[in-house]
Amino acid sequence: MILNPDHVTIAVADAGPAIAFFALLGFRKDHVATIDGGVPARYMGMPAMKAQHITLVLEGADPHFEIQLLEFDPPPGSDPGAHPTNLRQLGFNHLAFRVDDIEAVTAHLVANGVTMLSEEMDYISRKLRLFEGPEGITFELVQRDD
């Protein structure tokens, strides 16, 4: 059946800040492709789609894990009433990263201007903390006791 997570794709208005943000977490830019219609656009159900597809690889991850950014051209409109950090909305909720030292990673992120959305919570033998990532997505750090 399923072996492990492979990637998460995030649509962004400007890939530069997202690339810099995920570099703070250990991701490096691996591949950039331009989608201008064709097979990838048809596969995604948007035959006229134009976008940059940027693959970020988590250094040293075993198994391999990627974040894939889509920077659409032109950027899609936005709904000012909907915000990704609203964890009660339907659909995508948050992305979680396992860490060895939640305090050290928190200090690193906060020192680099990342917004913390929650205090640390102990839950089912884990320490958890929520942050705001690129495009307002919510992500979580997880430190397991095992």
C-alpha atoms as a PDB file:
ATOM      1  CA  MET A   1       0.000   0.000   0.000  1.00  0.00           C
ATOM      2  CA  ILE A   2       1.269   3.499   0.794  1.00  0.00           C
ATOM      3  CA  LEU A   3       4.960   3.637   1.675  1.00  0.00           C
ATOM      4  CA  ASN A   4       5.475   7.250   2.815  1.00  0.00           C
ATOM      5  CA  PRO A   5       4.662  10.860   1.888  1.00  0.00           C
ATOM      6  CA  ASP A   6       6.306  11.922  -1.393  1.00  0.00           C
ATOM      7  CA  HIS A   7       5.570  15.635  -1.791  1.00  0.00           C
ATOM      8  CA  VAL A   8       3.249  18.518  -1.015  1.00  0.00           C
ATOM      9  CA  THR A   9       2.366  21.082  -3.698  1.00  0.00           C
ATOM     10  CA  ILE A  10       1.683  24.691  -2.703  1.00  0.00           C
ATOM     11  CA  ALA A  11       0.442  27.417  -5.066  1.00  0.00           C
ATOM     12  CA  VAL A  12       2.243  30.693  -4.365  1.00  0.00           C
ATOM     13  CA  ALA A  13       1.942  34.222  -5.719  1.00  0.00           C
ATOM     14  CA  ASP A  14       5.720  34.777  -5.541  1.00  0.00           C
ATOM     15  CA  ALA A  15       8.068  31.785  -5.354  1.00  0.00           C
ATOM     16  CA  GLY A  16      11.072  33.775  -4.070  1.00  0.00           C
ATOM     17  CA  PRO A  17       9.885  34.268  -0.479  1.00  0.00           C
ATOM     18  CA  ALA A  18       8.581  30.680  -0.334  1.00  0.00           C
ATOM     19  CA  ILE A  19      11.937  29.298  -1.504  1.00  0.00           C
ATOM     20  CA  ALA A  20      13.729  31.391   1.145  1.00  0.00           C
ATOM     21  CA  PHE A  21      11.258  30.291   3.825  1.00  0.00           C
ATOM     22  CA  PHE A  22      11.610  26.576   3.108  1.00  0.00           C
ATOM     23  CA  ALA A  23      15.426  26.967   2.987  1.00  0.00           C
ATOM     24  CA  LEU A  24      15.157  27.865   6.696  1.00  0.00           C
ATOM     25  CA  LEU A  25      13.767  24.344   7.200  1.00  0.00           C
ATOM     26  CA  GLY A  26      16.489  22.601   5.184  1.00  0.00           C
ATOM     27  CA  PHE A  27      14.935  22.477   1.693  1.00  0.00           C
ATOM     28  CA  ARG A  28      17.056  23.259  -1.385  1.00  0.00           C
ATOM     29  CA  LYS A  29      15.907  24.142  -4.878  1.00  0.00           C
ATOM     30  CA  ASP A  30      16.354  21.053  -7.047  1.00  0.00           C
ATOM     31  CA  HIS A  31      14.453  21.600 -10.281  1.00  0.00           C
ATOM     32  CA  VAL A  32      12.524  24.361 -12.061  1.00  0.00           C
ATOM     33  CA  ALA A  33      10.221  23.692 -14.994  1.00  0.00           C
ATOM     34  CA  THR A  34       7.961  25.986 -16.995  1.00  0.00           C
ATOM     35  CA  ILE A  35       4.468  24.674 -17.611  1.00  0.00           C
ATOM     36  CA  ASP A  36       2.862  26.268 -20.666  1.00  0.00           C
ATOM     37  CA  GLY A  37      -0.073  24.031 -21.486  1.00  0.00           C
ATOM     38  CA  GLY A  38       0.858  20.560 -22.640  1.00  0.00           C
ATOM     39  CA  VAL A  39       0.716  17.272 -20.757  1.00  0.00           C
ATOM     40  CA  PRO A  40       1.320  18.660 -17.206  1.00  0.00           C
ATOM     41  CA  ALA A  41      -1.432  21.259 -17.612  1.00  0.00           C
ATOM     42  CA  ARG A  42      -3.897  18.692 -18.991  1.00  0.00           C
ATOM     43  CA  TYR A  43      -2.992  16.275 -16.184  1.00  0.00           C
ATOM     44  CA  MET A  44      -3.914  18.954 -13.615  1.00  0.00           C
ATOM     45  CA  GLY A  45      -7.206  19.668 -15.392  1.00  0.00           C
ATOM     46  CA  MET A  46      -6.126  23.146 -16.544  1.00  0.00           C
ATOM     47  CA  PRO A  47      -5.136  22.743 -20.225  1.00  0.00           C
ATOM     48  CA  ALA A  48      -4.241  26.430 -20.654  1.00  0.00           C
ATOM     49  CA  MET A  49      -2.237  26.607 -17.410  1.00  0.00           C
ATOM     50  CA  LYS A  50       0.996  28.596 -17.353  1.00  0.00           C
ATOM     51  CA  ALA A  51       3.198  28.325 -14.281  1.00  0.00           C
ATOM     52  CA  GLN A  52       6.654  27.838 -12.889  1.00  0.00           C
ATOM     53  CA  HIS A  53       6.970  24.470 -11.135  1.00  0.00           C
ATOM     54  CA  ILE A  54       9.758  24.626  -8.542  1.00  0.00           C
ATOM     55  CA  THR A  55      10.837  21.452  -6.728  1.00  0.00           C
ATOM     56  CA  LEU A  56      12.393  21.868  -3.277  1.00  0.00           C
ATOM     57  CA  VAL A  57      14.076  18.800  -1.764  1.00  0.00           C
ATOM     58  CA  LEU A  58      14.511  18.254   1.966  1.00  0.00           C
ATOM     59  CA  GLU A  59      18.260  17.698   2.432  1.00  0.00           C
ATOM     60  CA  GLY A  60      19.133  14.390   4.057  1.00  0.00           C
ATOM     61  CA  ALA A  61      15.553  13.110   4.248  1.00  0.00           C
ATOM     62  CA  ASP A  62      15.146   9.351   4.113  1.00  0.00           C
ATOM     63  CA  PRO A  63      12.784   8.681   2.528  1.00  0.00           C
ATOM     64  CA  HIS A  64      13.026  11.464  -0.062  1.00  0.00           C
ATOM     65  CA  PHE A  65      10.541  14.328   0.483  1.00  0.00           C
ATOM     66  CA  GLU A  66       9.734  17.374  -1.656  1.00  0.00           C
ATOM     67  CA  ILE A  67       7.714  20.555  -1.572  1.00  0.00           C
ATOM     68  CA  GLN A  68       6.632  21.581  -5.048  1.00  0.00           C
ATOM     69  CA  LEU A  69       5.745  25.221  -5.596  1.00  0.00           C
ATOM     70  CA  LEU A  70       3.434  26.397  -8.381  1.00  0.00           C
ATOM     71  CA  GLU A  71       3.733  30.058  -9.340  1.00  0.00           C
ATOM     72  CA  PHE A  72       0.859  30.684 -11.780  1.00  0.00           C
ATOM     73  CA  ASP A  73       1.063  33.208 -14.633  1.00  0.00           C
ATOM     74  CA  PRO A  74      -1.016  35.265 -14.218  1.00  0.00           C
ATOM     75  CA  PRO A  75      -1.528  34.782 -10.465  1.00  0.00           C
ATOM     76  CA  PRO A  76      -5.047  33.663  -9.542  1.00  0.00           C
ATOM     77  CA  GLY A  77      -7.345  36.147  -7.825  1.00  0.00           C
ATOM     78  CA  SER A  78      -7.666  36.044  -4.080  1.00  0.00           C
ATOM     79  CA  ASP A  79     -10.610  36.054  -1.724  1.00  0.00           C
ATOM     80  CA  PRO A  80      -9.784  38.436   1.136  1.00  0.00           C
ATOM     81  CA  GLY A  81     -12.321  36.628   3.336  1.00  0.00           C
ATOM     82  CA  ALA A  82     -10.530  33.282   3.127  1.00  0.00           C
ATOM     83  CA  HIS A  83      -7.193  32.837   4.848  1.00  0.00           C
ATOM     84  CA  PRO A  84      -5.193  29.585   4.918  1.00  0.00           C
ATOM     85  CA  THR A  85      -4.400  29.832   8.641  1.00  0.00           C
ATOM     86  CA  ASN A  86      -8.137  29.484   9.315  1.00  0.00           C
ATOM     87  CA  LEU A  87      -7.901  25.851  10.435  1.00  0.00           C
ATOM     88  CA  ARG A  88     -11.704  25.478  10.400  1.00  0.00           C
ATOM     89  CA  GLN A  89     -11.974  25.815   6.611  1.00  0.00           C
ATOM     90  CA  LEU A  90     -12.523  22.692   4.532  1.00  0.00           C
ATOM     91  CA  GLY A  91      -9.686  21.301   2.434  1.00  0.00           C
ATOM     92  CA  PHE A  92      -5.992  21.737   3.226  1.00  0.00           C
ATOM     93  CA  ASN A  93      -5.446  22.165   6.950  1.00  0.00           C
ATOM     94  CA  HIS A  94      -1.716  22.142   7.711  1.00  0.00           C
ATOM     95  CA  LEU A  95       1.666  20.597   6.910  1.00  0.00           C
ATOM     96  CA  ALA A  96       3.712  19.031   9.727  1.00  0.00           C
ATOM     97  CA  PHE A  97       7.495  18.569   9.960  1.00  0.00           C
ATOM     98  CA  ARG A  98       9.127  16.252  12.482  1.00  0.00           C
ATOM     99  CA  VAL A  99      12.083  17.800  14.332  1.00  0.00           C
ATOM    100  CA  ASP A 100      14.579  16.625  16.967  1.00  0.00           C
ATOM    101  CA  ASP A 101      14.624  19.865  18.981  1.00  0.00           C
ATOM    102  CA  ILE A 102      11.439  21.943  18.759  1.00  0.00           C
ATOM    103  CA  GLU A 103      12.872  24.769  20.874  1.00  0.00           C
ATOM    104  CA  ALA A 104      15.962  25.201  18.683  1.00  0.00           C
ATOM    105  CA  VAL A 105      13.950  25.121  15.441  1.00  0.00           C
ATOM    106  CA  THR A 106      11.399  27.553  16.916  1.00  0.00           C
ATOM    107  CA  ALA A 107      14.169  29.977  17.898  1.00  0.00           C
ATOM    108  CA  HIS A 108      15.689  29.736  14.401  1.00  0.00           C
ATOM    109  CA  LEU A 109      12.350  30.412  12.681  1.00  0.00           C
ATOM    110  CA  VAL A 110      11.322  33.280  14.962  1.00  0.00           C
ATOM    111  CA  ALA A 111      14.778  34.881  14.580  1.00  0.00           C
ATOM    112  CA  ASN A 112      14.162  34.839  10.825  1.00  0.00           C
ATOM    113  CA  GLY A 113      10.771  36.561  11.095  1.00  0.00           C
ATOM    114  CA  VAL A 114       8.467  33.537  10.931  1.00  0.00           C
ATOM    115  CA  THR A 115       5.185  34.065  12.794  1.00  0.00           C
ATOM    116  CA  MET A 116       4.386  31.597  15.559  1.00  0.00           C
ATOM    117  CA  LEU A 117       0.651  30.836  15.735  1.00  0.00           C
ATOM    118  CA  SER A 118       0.522  28.825  18.972  1.00  0.00           C
ATOM    119  CA  GLU A 119       2.366  28.103  22.147  1.00  0.00           C
ATOM    120  CA  GLU A 120       3.876  24.644  22.505  1.00  0.00           C
ATOM    121  CA  MET A 121       1.387  21.878  23.277  1.00  0.00           C
ATOM    122  CA  ASP A 122       2.139  18.414  24.677  1.00  0.00           C
ATOM    123  CA  TYR A 123      -0.139  15.867  23.022  1.00  0.00           C
ATOM    124  CA  ILE A 124       0.084  12.063  22.774  1.00  0.00           C
ATOM    125  CA  SER A 125       3.831  11.873  23.562  1.00  0.00           C
ATOM    126  CA  ARG A 126       4.625  14.796  21.242  1.00  0.00           C
ATOM    127  CA  LYS A 127       5.472  18.465  21.499  1.00  0.00           C
ATOM    128  CA  LEU A 128       3.620  20.530  18.880  1.00  0.00           C
ATOM    129  CA  ARG A 129       3.762  24.149  17.715  1.00  0.00           C
ATOM    130  CA  LEU A 130       2.009  25.935  14.815  1.00  0.00           C
ATOM    131  CA  PHE A 131       3.526  28.600  12.528  1.00  0.00           C
ATOM    132  CA  GLU A 132       2.475  30.659   9.519  1.00  0.00           C
ATOM    133  CA  GLY A 133       4.302  29.791   6.311  1.00  0.00           C
ATOM    134  CA  PRO A 134       4.297  31.194   2.764  1.00  0.00           C
ATOM    135  CA  GLU A 135       0.936  32.357   1.398  1.00  0.00           C
ATOM    136  CA  GLY A 136      -0.421  32.124   4.942  1.00  0.00           C
ATOM    137  CA  ILE A 137      -0.382  28.306   5.064  1.00  0.00           C
ATOM    138  CA  THR A 138      -0.212  26.764   8.509  1.00  0.00           C
ATOM    139  CA  PHE A 139       2.612  24.399   9.302  1.00  0.00           C
ATOM    140  CA  GLU A 140       3.454  22.525  12.460  1.00  0.00           C
ATOM    141  CA  LEU A 141       6.615  21.310  14.134  1.00  0.00           C
ATOM    142  CA  VAL A 142       6.388  17.908  15.814  1.00  0.00           C
ATOM    143  CA  GLN A 143       8.912  16.554  18.322  1.00  0.00           C
ATOM    144  CA  ARG A 144       8.096  12.967  19.262  1.00  0.00           C
ATOM    145  CA  ASP A 145       9.149  11.527  22.609  1.00  0.00           C
ATOM    146  CA  ASP A 146      10.248   8.244  21.001  1.00  0.00           C
END
